[in-house]
Protein backbone atom coordinates (compact mmCIF):
# COMPACT_ATOMS: atom_id res chain seq x y z
CA UNK A 1 0.00 0.00 0.00
CA UNK A 2 2.32 2.68 -1.21
CA UNK A 3 1.58 6.15 0.13
CA UNK A 4 -1.05 5.13 2.70
CA UNK A 5 -0.14 5.49 6.36
CA UNK A 6 -1.51 3.63 9.36
CA UNK A 7 -3.82 6.54 10.25
CA UNK A 8 -5.49 6.44 6.83
CA UNK A 9 -5.90 2.66 7.07
CA UNK A 10 -7.53 3.10 10.48
CA UNK A 11 -9.92 5.71 9.03
CA UNK A 12 -10.81 3.41 6.14
CA UNK A 13 -11.36 0.51 8.54
CA UNK A 14 -13.56 2.73 10.71
CA UNK A 15 -15.63 3.64 7.66
CA UNK A 16 -15.76 -0.04 6.70
CA UNK A 17 -17.47 -0.87 10.01
CA UNK A 18 -20.63 0.57 8.48
CA UNK A 19 -20.57 -2.12 5.79
CA UNK A 20 -19.35 -5.32 7.39
CA UNK A 21 -16.50 -6.93 9.28
CA UNK A 22 -13.25 -5.07 8.51
CA UNK A 23 -9.79 -6.45 9.11
CA UNK A 24 -6.35 -5.23 8.15
CA UNK A 25 -3.62 -7.61 7.08
CA UNK A 26 -0.37 -6.82 5.33
CA UNK A 27 -1.46 -3.20 4.95
CA UNK A 28 -4.62 -4.16 3.05
CA UNK A 29 -8.13 -3.46 4.25
CA UNK A 30 -10.49 -6.43 3.84
CA UNK A 31 -14.22 -6.12 4.47
CA UNK A 32 -16.51 -9.15 4.71
CA UNK A 33 -20.19 -8.56 3.98
CA UNK A 34 -23.31 -10.69 3.74
CA UNK A 35 -24.32 -11.79 0.23
CA UNK A 36 -27.45 -9.63 0.50
CA UNK A 37 -25.24 -6.54 1.01
CA UNK A 38 -22.84 -7.35 -1.87
CA UNK A 39 -23.95 -4.73 -4.42
CA UNK A 40 -24.57 -2.12 -1.75
CA UNK A 41 -21.02 -2.66 -0.43
CA UNK A 42 -19.57 -2.33 -3.93
CA UNK A 43 -21.46 0.94 -4.43
CA UNK A 44 -20.28 2.14 -1.01
CA UNK A 45 -16.65 1.37 -1.90
CA UNK A 46 -16.98 3.17 -5.23
CA UNK A 47 -18.85 6.22 -3.88
CA UNK A 48 -17.61 6.63 -0.29
CA UNK A 49 -14.04 5.32 -0.50
CA UNK A 50 -13.52 6.51 -4.10
CA UNK A 51 -12.50 3.00 -5.24
CA UNK A 52 -13.18 3.73 -8.89
CA UNK A 53 -10.80 1.08 -10.25
CA UNK A 54 -12.11 -2.51 -10.36
CA UNK A 55 -9.08 -4.83 -10.43
CA UNK A 56 -10.49 -8.37 -10.22
CA UNK A 57 -13.18 -10.68 -8.86
CA UNK A 58 -12.59 -14.35 -8.13
CA UNK A 59 -13.96 -17.33 -6.27
CA UNK A 60 -12.44 -19.42 -3.47
CA UNK A 61 -13.73 -22.92 -2.70
CA UNK A 62 -14.75 -22.96 0.97
CA UNK A 63 -17.10 -25.93 0.60
CA UNK A 64 -15.27 -27.90 3.29
CA UNK A 65 -15.45 -25.00 5.79
CA UNK A 66 -18.13 -24.28 8.36
CA UNK A 67 -20.36 -22.84 6.99
CA UNK A 68 -19.68 -24.23 3.50
CA UNK A 69 -19.81 -22.05 0.42
CA UNK A 70 -17.90 -20.26 -2.30
CA UNK A 71 -16.18 -17.08 -1.19
CA UNK A 72 -16.35 -14.31 -3.79
CA UNK A 73 -13.61 -11.69 -3.51
CA UNK A 74 -13.34 -8.36 -5.33
CA UNK A 75 -10.20 -6.20 -5.30
CA UNK A 76 -10.89 -2.49 -5.67
CA UNK A 77 -8.48 0.44 -5.87
CA UNK A 78 -8.62 4.20 -5.33
CA UNK A 79 -6.11 5.80 -7.74
CA UNK A 80 -6.37 9.23 -6.07
CA UNK A 81 -5.85 8.04 -2.47
CA UNK A 82 -3.78 5.06 -3.56
CA UNK A 83 -5.57 2.70 -1.20
CA UNK A 84 -6.84 -0.79 -1.91
CA UNK A 85 -9.84 -2.71 -0.64
CA UNK A 86 -10.66 -6.41 -0.70
CA UNK A 87 -14.39 -6.91 -0.49
CA UNK A 88 -15.57 -10.46 0.10
CA UNK A 89 -18.69 -12.47 0.80
CA UNK A 90 -19.44 -16.14 1.39
CA UNK A 91 -22.11 -17.49 -0.96
CA UNK A 92 -23.80 -20.44 0.82
CA UNK A 93 -23.27 -23.89 -0.72
CA UNK A 94 -27.01 -24.58 -0.84
CA UNK A 95 -27.76 -21.29 -2.66
CA UNK A 96 -24.88 -20.38 -5.00
CA UNK A 97 -26.43 -17.11 -6.17
CA UNK A 98 -25.08 -13.58 -5.87
CA UNK A 99 -26.30 -10.35 -7.50
CA UNK A 100 -24.10 -9.26 -10.38
CA UNK A 101 -21.56 -6.49 -9.83
CA UNK A 102 -21.75 -5.41 -13.47
CA UNK A 103 -24.18 -2.62 -12.63
CA UNK A 104 -21.56 -1.07 -10.34
CA UNK A 105 -18.35 -2.01 -12.16
CA UNK A 106 -18.67 -2.95 -15.84
CA UNK A 107 -15.26 -4.62 -15.61
CA UNK A 108 -16.78 -7.36 -13.43
CA UNK A 109 -18.41 -8.92 -16.51
CA UNK A 110 -15.72 -11.40 -17.56
CA UNK A 111 -14.61 -12.06 -13.99
CA UNK A 112 -18.13 -13.14 -13.06
CA UNK A 113 -18.37 -15.30 -16.18
CA UNK A 114 -15.15 -17.07 -15.19
CA UNK A 115 -16.25 -17.50 -11.55
CA UNK A 116 -19.59 -18.89 -12.76
CA UNK A 117 -17.85 -21.32 -15.10
CA UNK A 118 -15.15 -22.47 -12.68
CA UNK A 119 -17.05 -22.49 -9.34
CA UNK A 120 -20.76 -22.62 -10.25
CA UNK A 121 -21.80 -19.28 -8.73
CA UNK A 122 -24.87 -17.88 -10.51
CA UNK A 123 -24.60 -14.09 -10.76
CA UNK A 124 -28.24 -13.03 -10.97
CA UNK A 125 -28.88 -10.18 -13.34
CA UNK A 126 -25.66 -10.74 -15.28
CA UNK A 127 -26.17 -9.82 -18.96
CA UNK A 128 -24.34 -12.86 -20.40
CA UNK A 129 -23.12 -15.82 -18.32
CA UNK A 130 -22.04 -17.80 -21.39
CA UNK A 131 -18.90 -19.98 -21.09
CA UNK A 132 -15.70 -17.99 -21.34
CA UNK A 133 -12.75 -20.38 -21.05
CA UNK A 134 -13.87 -24.00 -21.24
CA UNK A 135 -14.66 -25.88 -24.47
CA UNK A 136 -18.25 -26.64 -25.48
CA UNK A 137 -19.65 -29.65 -23.67
CA UNK A 138 -17.18 -29.50 -20.76
CA UNK A 139 -18.63 -31.08 -17.63
CA UNK A 140 -17.75 -30.07 -14.10
CA UNK A 141 -16.42 -27.09 -12.18
CA UNK A 142 -12.63 -27.30 -12.52
CA UNK A 143 -11.55 -24.92 -9.72
CA UNK A 144 -13.61 -26.61 -7.03
CA UNK A 145 -11.75 -28.93 -4.68
CA UNK A 146 -14.07 -31.85 -5.45
CA UNK A 147 -13.21 -31.75 -9.18
CA UNK A 148 -11.12 -34.79 -10.14
CA UNK A 149 -8.19 -34.00 -12.44
CA UNK A 150 -7.98 -36.38 -15.41
CA UNK A 151 -4.18 -36.20 -15.38
CA UNK A 152 -4.13 -37.57 -11.81
CA UNK A 153 -6.21 -40.56 -12.89
CA UNK A 154 -3.86 -41.34 -15.78
CA UNK A 155 -0.69 -40.75 -13.73
CA UNK A 156 -0.62 -40.93 -9.96
CA UNK A 157 0.56 -37.93 -8.01
CA UNK A 158 4.00 -38.67 -6.48
CA UNK A 159 3.51 -39.52 -2.84
CA UNK A 160 -0.16 -40.46 -3.19
CA UNK A 161 0.74 -44.13 -2.94
CA UNK A 162 1.93 -45.47 0.39
CA UNK A 163 5.17 -47.45 0.44
CA UNK A 164 4.51 -51.10 -0.36
CA UNK A 165 1.35 -50.36 -2.37
CA UNK A 166 0.89 -50.02 -6.12
CA UNK A 167 -0.76 -47.22 -8.08
CA UNK A 168 -3.55 -49.70 -8.92
CA UNK A 169 -4.25 -50.15 -5.20
CA UNK A 170 -4.62 -46.38 -4.83
CA UNK A 171 -6.92 -46.13 -7.87
CA UNK A 172 -9.15 -48.89 -6.51
CA UNK A 173 -9.17 -47.30 -3.07
CA UNK A 174 -10.14 -43.82 -4.31
CA UNK A 175 -12.30 -44.95 -7.24
CA UNK A 176 -13.28 -41.44 -8.36
CA UNK A 177 -12.79 -40.52 -12.01
CA UNK A 178 -13.55 -37.32 -13.88
CA UNK A 179 -16.22 -37.35 -16.59
CA UNK A 180 -15.12 -39.18 -19.73
CA UNK A 181 -12.05 -40.86 -18.21
CA UNK A 182 -12.16 -44.64 -18.72
CA UNK A 183 -11.81 -47.09 -15.86
CA UNK A 184 -8.10 -48.03 -15.92
CA UNK A 185 -8.68 -51.08 -13.70
CA UNK A 186 -10.81 -52.68 -16.41
CA UNK A 187 -14.45 -53.63 -16.74
CA UNK A 188 -16.12 -55.55 -13.94
CA UNK A 189 -13.83 -54.31 -11.20
CA UNK A 190 -15.14 -52.53 -8.16
CA UNK A 191 -13.21 -49.26 -7.72
CA UNK A 192 -14.39 -48.93 -4.14
CA UNK A 193 -13.12 -52.35 -3.06
C-alpha atoms as a PDB file:
ATOM      1  CA  UNK A   1       0.000   0.000   0.000  1.00  0.00           C
ATOM      2  CA  UNK A   2       2.315   2.679  -1.212  1.00  0.00           C
ATOM      3  CA  UNK A   3       1.579   6.149   0.125  1.00  0.00           C
ATOM      4  CA  UNK A   4      -1.054   5.126   2.696  1.00  0.00           C
ATOM      5  CA  UNK A   5      -0.140   5.487   6.357  1.00  0.00           C
ATOM      6  CA  UNK A   6      -1.510   3.632   9.364  1.00  0.00           C
ATOM      7  CA  UNK A   7      -3.815   6.536  10.252  1.00  0.00           C
ATOM      8  CA  UNK A   8      -5.494   6.443   6.834  1.00  0.00           C
ATOM      9  CA  UNK A   9      -5.897   2.657   7.066  1.00  0.00           C
ATOM     10  CA  UNK A  10      -7.532   3.101  10.476  1.00  0.00           C
ATOM     11  CA  UNK A  11      -9.922   5.715   9.031  1.00  0.00           C
ATOM     12  CA  UNK A  12     -10.809   3.408   6.137  1.00  0.00           C
ATOM     13  CA  UNK A  13     -11.358   0.510   8.541  1.00  0.00           C
ATOM     14  CA  UNK A  14     -13.559   2.731  10.705  1.00  0.00           C
ATOM     15  CA  UNK A  15     -15.630   3.640   7.656  1.00  0.00           C
ATOM     16  CA  UNK A  16     -15.757  -0.043   6.705  1.00  0.00           C
ATOM     17  CA  UNK A  17     -17.474  -0.875  10.012  1.00  0.00           C
ATOM     18  CA  UNK A  18     -20.633   0.575   8.481  1.00  0.00           C
ATOM     19  CA  UNK A  19     -20.571  -2.123   5.786  1.00  0.00           C
ATOM     20  CA  UNK A  20     -19.353  -5.317   7.389  1.00  0.00           C
ATOM     21  CA  UNK A  21     -16.504  -6.927   9.275  1.00  0.00           C
ATOM     22  CA  UNK A  22     -13.245  -5.069   8.513  1.00  0.00           C
ATOM     23  CA  UNK A  23      -9.786  -6.447   9.107  1.00  0.00           C
ATOM     24  CA  UNK A  24      -6.349  -5.225   8.150  1.00  0.00           C
ATOM     25  CA  UNK A  25      -3.623  -7.614   7.078  1.00  0.00           C
ATOM     26  CA  UNK A  26      -0.367  -6.819   5.329  1.00  0.00           C
ATOM     27  CA  UNK A  27      -1.460  -3.202   4.949  1.00  0.00           C
ATOM     28  CA  UNK A  28      -4.620  -4.164   3.050  1.00  0.00           C
ATOM     29  CA  UNK A  29      -8.133  -3.458   4.253  1.00  0.00           C
ATOM     30  CA  UNK A  30     -10.487  -6.428   3.840  1.00  0.00           C
ATOM     31  CA  UNK A  31     -14.219  -6.118   4.474  1.00  0.00           C
ATOM     32  CA  UNK A  32     -16.507  -9.151   4.709  1.00  0.00           C
ATOM     33  CA  UNK A  33     -20.192  -8.558   3.975  1.00  0.00           C
ATOM     34  CA  UNK A  34     -23.312 -10.690   3.738  1.00  0.00           C
ATOM     35  CA  UNK A  35     -24.324 -11.792   0.226  1.00  0.00           C
ATOM     36  CA  UNK A  36     -27.453  -9.634   0.502  1.00  0.00           C
ATOM     37  CA  UNK A  37     -25.237  -6.537   1.007  1.00  0.00           C
ATOM     38  CA  UNK A  38     -22.835  -7.347  -1.873  1.00  0.00           C
ATOM     39  CA  UNK A  39     -23.950  -4.734  -4.421  1.00  0.00           C
ATOM     40  CA  UNK A  40     -24.573  -2.119  -1.754  1.00  0.00           C
ATOM     41  CA  UNK A  41     -21.024  -2.657  -0.430  1.00  0.00           C
ATOM     42  CA  UNK A  42     -19.573  -2.327  -3.935  1.00  0.00           C
ATOM     43  CA  UNK A  43     -21.456   0.943  -4.430  1.00  0.00           C
ATOM     44  CA  UNK A  44     -20.284   2.139  -1.008  1.00  0.00           C
ATOM     45  CA  UNK A  45     -16.653   1.368  -1.901  1.00  0.00           C
ATOM     46  CA  UNK A  46     -16.982   3.171  -5.225  1.00  0.00           C
ATOM     47  CA  UNK A  47     -18.855   6.217  -3.883  1.00  0.00           C
ATOM     48  CA  UNK A  48     -17.613   6.635  -0.290  1.00  0.00           C
ATOM     49  CA  UNK A  49     -14.039   5.324  -0.501  1.00  0.00           C
ATOM     50  CA  UNK A  50     -13.519   6.507  -4.099  1.00  0.00           C
ATOM     51  CA  UNK A  51     -12.497   3.005  -5.236  1.00  0.00           C
ATOM     52  CA  UNK A  52     -13.179   3.727  -8.888  1.00  0.00           C
ATOM     53  CA  UNK A  53     -10.797   1.077 -10.251  1.00  0.00           C
ATOM     54  CA  UNK A  54     -12.105  -2.507 -10.356  1.00  0.00           C
ATOM     55  CA  UNK A  55      -9.082  -4.835 -10.430  1.00  0.00           C
ATOM     56  CA  UNK A  56     -10.488  -8.367 -10.216  1.00  0.00           C
ATOM     57  CA  UNK A  57     -13.179 -10.677  -8.865  1.00  0.00           C
ATOM     58  CA  UNK A  58     -12.589 -14.354  -8.135  1.00  0.00           C
ATOM     59  CA  UNK A  59     -13.959 -17.331  -6.268  1.00  0.00           C
ATOM     60  CA  UNK A  60     -12.441 -19.418  -3.470  1.00  0.00           C
ATOM     61  CA  UNK A  61     -13.726 -22.920  -2.696  1.00  0.00           C
ATOM     62  CA  UNK A  62     -14.753 -22.957   0.971  1.00  0.00           C
ATOM     63  CA  UNK A  63     -17.096 -25.934   0.597  1.00  0.00           C
ATOM     64  CA  UNK A  64     -15.274 -27.895   3.293  1.00  0.00           C
ATOM     65  CA  UNK A  65     -15.447 -24.996   5.789  1.00  0.00           C
ATOM     66  CA  UNK A  66     -18.127 -24.281   8.358  1.00  0.00           C
ATOM     67  CA  UNK A  67     -20.358 -22.845   6.994  1.00  0.00           C
ATOM     68  CA  UNK A  68     -19.678 -24.233   3.503  1.00  0.00           C
ATOM     69  CA  UNK A  69     -19.809 -22.049   0.416  1.00  0.00           C
ATOM     70  CA  UNK A  70     -17.899 -20.261  -2.298  1.00  0.00           C
ATOM     71  CA  UNK A  71     -16.177 -17.082  -1.191  1.00  0.00           C
ATOM     72  CA  UNK A  72     -16.349 -14.311  -3.789  1.00  0.00           C
ATOM     73  CA  UNK A  73     -13.608 -11.691  -3.507  1.00  0.00           C
ATOM     74  CA  UNK A  74     -13.336  -8.360  -5.328  1.00  0.00           C
ATOM     75  CA  UNK A  75     -10.196  -6.203  -5.298  1.00  0.00           C
ATOM     76  CA  UNK A  76     -10.887  -2.490  -5.672  1.00  0.00           C
ATOM     77  CA  UNK A  77      -8.479   0.439  -5.869  1.00  0.00           C
ATOM     78  CA  UNK A  78      -8.620   4.197  -5.329  1.00  0.00           C
ATOM     79  CA  UNK A  79      -6.110   5.796  -7.739  1.00  0.00           C
ATOM     80  CA  UNK A  80      -6.369   9.228  -6.070  1.00  0.00           C
ATOM     81  CA  UNK A  81      -5.852   8.044  -2.474  1.00  0.00           C
ATOM     82  CA  UNK A  82      -3.784   5.062  -3.559  1.00  0.00           C
ATOM     83  CA  UNK A  83      -5.566   2.702  -1.202  1.00  0.00           C
ATOM     84  CA  UNK A  84      -6.843  -0.785  -1.905  1.00  0.00           C
ATOM     85  CA  UNK A  85      -9.835  -2.713  -0.645  1.00  0.00           C
ATOM     86  CA  UNK A  86     -10.659  -6.410  -0.704  1.00  0.00           C
ATOM     87  CA  UNK A  87     -14.395  -6.906  -0.488  1.00  0.00           C
ATOM     88  CA  UNK A  88     -15.570 -10.463   0.102  1.00  0.00           C
ATOM     89  CA  UNK A  89     -18.688 -12.469   0.800  1.00  0.00           C
ATOM     90  CA  UNK A  90     -19.441 -16.135   1.393  1.00  0.00           C
ATOM     91  CA  UNK A  91     -22.112 -17.494  -0.961  1.00  0.00           C
ATOM     92  CA  UNK A  92     -23.802 -20.437   0.818  1.00  0.00           C
ATOM     93  CA  UNK A  93     -23.266 -23.887  -0.721  1.00  0.00           C
ATOM     94  CA  UNK A  94     -27.006 -24.579  -0.836  1.00  0.00           C
ATOM     95  CA  UNK A  95     -27.759 -21.295  -2.661  1.00  0.00           C
ATOM     96  CA  UNK A  96     -24.876 -20.376  -5.003  1.00  0.00           C
ATOM     97  CA  UNK A  97     -26.427 -17.106  -6.167  1.00  0.00           C
ATOM     98  CA  UNK A  98     -25.077 -13.581  -5.869  1.00  0.00           C
ATOM     99  CA  UNK A  99     -26.302 -10.354  -7.504  1.00  0.00           C
ATOM    100  CA  UNK A 100     -24.101  -9.258 -10.384  1.00  0.00           C
ATOM    101  CA  UNK A 101     -21.561  -6.493  -9.832  1.00  0.00           C
ATOM    102  CA  UNK A 102     -21.748  -5.409 -13.473  1.00  0.00           C
ATOM    103  CA  UNK A 103     -24.184  -2.618 -12.631  1.00  0.00           C
ATOM    104  CA  UNK A 104     -21.564  -1.074 -10.339  1.00  0.00           C
ATOM    105  CA  UNK A 105     -18.347  -2.011 -12.161  1.00  0.00           C
ATOM    106  CA  UNK A 106     -18.671  -2.946 -15.838  1.00  0.00           C
ATOM    107  CA  UNK A 107     -15.259  -4.619 -15.612  1.00  0.00           C
ATOM    108  CA  UNK A 108     -16.778  -7.362 -13.434  1.00  0.00           C
ATOM    109  CA  UNK A 109     -18.407  -8.917 -16.515  1.00  0.00           C
ATOM    110  CA  UNK A 110     -15.719 -11.400 -17.559  1.00  0.00           C
ATOM    111  CA  UNK A 111     -14.614 -12.058 -13.986  1.00  0.00           C
ATOM    112  CA  UNK A 112     -18.134 -13.143 -13.060  1.00  0.00           C
ATOM    113  CA  UNK A 113     -18.368 -15.298 -16.183  1.00  0.00           C
ATOM    114  CA  UNK A 114     -15.146 -17.066 -15.188  1.00  0.00           C
ATOM    115  CA  UNK A 115     -16.252 -17.500 -11.554  1.00  0.00           C
ATOM    116  CA  UNK A 116     -19.587 -18.885 -12.756  1.00  0.00           C
ATOM    117  CA  UNK A 117     -17.855 -21.321 -15.101  1.00  0.00           C
ATOM    118  CA  UNK A 118     -15.154 -22.468 -12.681  1.00  0.00           C
ATOM    119  CA  UNK A 119     -17.053 -22.485  -9.340  1.00  0.00           C
ATOM    120  CA  UNK A 120     -20.761 -22.623 -10.252  1.00  0.00           C
ATOM    121  CA  UNK A 121     -21.802 -19.276  -8.731  1.00  0.00           C
ATOM    122  CA  UNK A 122     -24.865 -17.878 -10.509  1.00  0.00           C
ATOM    123  CA  UNK A 123     -24.597 -14.086 -10.763  1.00  0.00           C
ATOM    124  CA  UNK A 124     -28.237 -13.032 -10.971  1.00  0.00           C
ATOM    125  CA  UNK A 125     -28.885 -10.178 -13.342  1.00  0.00           C
ATOM    126  CA  UNK A 126     -25.655 -10.741 -15.280  1.00  0.00           C
ATOM    127  CA  UNK A 127     -26.170  -9.823 -18.956  1.00  0.00           C
ATOM    128  CA  UNK A 128     -24.342 -12.858 -20.403  1.00  0.00           C
ATOM    129  CA  UNK A 129     -23.123 -15.822 -18.318  1.00  0.00           C
ATOM    130  CA  UNK A 130     -22.042 -17.799 -21.390  1.00  0.00           C
ATOM    131  CA  UNK A 131     -18.898 -19.979 -21.088  1.00  0.00           C
ATOM    132  CA  UNK A 132     -15.699 -17.990 -21.340  1.00  0.00           C
ATOM    133  CA  UNK A 133     -12.746 -20.384 -21.048  1.00  0.00           C
ATOM    134  CA  UNK A 134     -13.873 -24.003 -21.237  1.00  0.00           C
ATOM    135  CA  UNK A 135     -14.658 -25.883 -24.472  1.00  0.00           C
ATOM    136  CA  UNK A 136     -18.247 -26.640 -25.481  1.00  0.00           C
ATOM    137  CA  UNK A 137     -19.648 -29.646 -23.671  1.00  0.00           C
ATOM    138  CA  UNK A 138     -17.185 -29.503 -20.763  1.00  0.00           C
ATOM    139  CA  UNK A 139     -18.630 -31.085 -17.631  1.00  0.00           C
ATOM    140  CA  UNK A 140     -17.747 -30.070 -14.097  1.00  0.00           C
ATOM    141  CA  UNK A 141     -16.421 -27.093 -12.183  1.00  0.00           C
ATOM    142  CA  UNK A 142     -12.626 -27.297 -12.523  1.00  0.00           C
ATOM    143  CA  UNK A 143     -11.553 -24.925  -9.722  1.00  0.00           C
ATOM    144  CA  UNK A 144     -13.611 -26.610  -7.026  1.00  0.00           C
ATOM    145  CA  UNK A 145     -11.751 -28.927  -4.676  1.00  0.00           C
ATOM    146  CA  UNK A 146     -14.066 -31.855  -5.451  1.00  0.00           C
ATOM    147  CA  UNK A 147     -13.208 -31.754  -9.175  1.00  0.00           C
ATOM    148  CA  UNK A 148     -11.116 -34.786 -10.137  1.00  0.00           C
ATOM    149  CA  UNK A 149      -8.195 -34.004 -12.442  1.00  0.00           C
ATOM    150  CA  UNK A 150      -7.976 -36.380 -15.411  1.00  0.00           C
ATOM    151  CA  UNK A 151      -4.178 -36.201 -15.376  1.00  0.00           C
ATOM    152  CA  UNK A 152      -4.133 -37.569 -11.809  1.00  0.00           C
ATOM    153  CA  UNK A 153      -6.209 -40.559 -12.889  1.00  0.00           C
ATOM    154  CA  UNK A 154      -3.857 -41.342 -15.785  1.00  0.00           C
ATOM    155  CA  UNK A 155      -0.694 -40.746 -13.731  1.00  0.00           C
ATOM    156  CA  UNK A 156      -0.621 -40.931  -9.956  1.00  0.00           C
ATOM    157  CA  UNK A 157       0.558 -37.932  -8.012  1.00  0.00           C
ATOM    158  CA  UNK A 158       3.997 -38.671  -6.477  1.00  0.00           C
ATOM    159  CA  UNK A 159       3.515 -39.516  -2.836  1.00  0.00           C
ATOM    160  CA  UNK A 160      -0.164 -40.458  -3.189  1.00  0.00           C
ATOM    161  CA  UNK A 161       0.735 -44.133  -2.944  1.00  0.00           C
ATOM    162  CA  UNK A 162       1.931 -45.471   0.393  1.00  0.00           C
ATOM    163  CA  UNK A 163       5.170 -47.454   0.444  1.00  0.00           C
ATOM    164  CA  UNK A 164       4.506 -51.103  -0.356  1.00  0.00           C
ATOM    165  CA  UNK A 165       1.348 -50.362  -2.374  1.00  0.00           C
ATOM    166  CA  UNK A 166       0.892 -50.019  -6.119  1.00  0.00           C
ATOM    167  CA  UNK A 167      -0.761 -47.224  -8.079  1.00  0.00           C
ATOM    168  CA  UNK A 168      -3.545 -49.698  -8.915  1.00  0.00           C
ATOM    169  CA  UNK A 169      -4.252 -50.145  -5.200  1.00  0.00           C
ATOM    170  CA  UNK A 170      -4.615 -46.376  -4.827  1.00  0.00           C
ATOM    171  CA  UNK A 171      -6.916 -46.133  -7.872  1.00  0.00           C
ATOM    172  CA  UNK A 172      -9.147 -48.895  -6.511  1.00  0.00           C
ATOM    173  CA  UNK A 173      -9.166 -47.304  -3.070  1.00  0.00           C
ATOM    174  CA  UNK A 174     -10.139 -43.818  -4.312  1.00  0.00           C
ATOM    175  CA  UNK A 175     -12.297 -44.954  -7.242  1.00  0.00           C
ATOM    176  CA  UNK A 176     -13.280 -41.441  -8.362  1.00  0.00           C
ATOM    177  CA  UNK A 177     -12.788 -40.520 -12.013  1.00  0.00           C
ATOM    178  CA  UNK A 178     -13.554 -37.317 -13.879  1.00  0.00           C
ATOM    179  CA  UNK A 179     -16.223 -37.348 -16.587  1.00  0.00           C
ATOM    180  CA  UNK A 180     -15.121 -39.181 -19.734  1.00  0.00           C
ATOM    181  CA  UNK A 181     -12.049 -40.863 -18.205  1.00  0.00           C
ATOM    182  CA  UNK A 182     -12.159 -44.640 -18.715  1.00  0.00           C
ATOM    183  CA  UNK A 183     -11.805 -47.089 -15.855  1.00  0.00           C
ATOM    184  CA  UNK A 184      -8.100 -48.030 -15.922  1.00  0.00           C
ATOM    185  CA  UNK A 185      -8.677 -51.082 -13.701  1.00  0.00           C
ATOM    186  CA  UNK A 186     -10.808 -52.677 -16.412  1.00  0.00           C
ATOM    187  CA  UNK A 187     -14.450 -53.630 -16.741  1.00  0.00           C
ATOM    188  CA  UNK A 188     -16.116 -55.551 -13.945  1.00  0.00           C
ATOM    189  CA  UNK A 189     -13.828 -54.309 -11.197  1.00  0.00           C
ATOM    190  CA  UNK A 190     -15.139 -52.529  -8.162  1.00  0.00           C
ATOM    191  CA  UNK A 191     -13.206 -49.259  -7.722  1.00  0.00           C
ATOM    192  CA  UNK A 192     -14.392 -48.928  -4.143  1.00  0.00           C
ATOM    193  CA  UNK A 193     -13.121 -52.352  -3.057  1.00  0.00           C
END
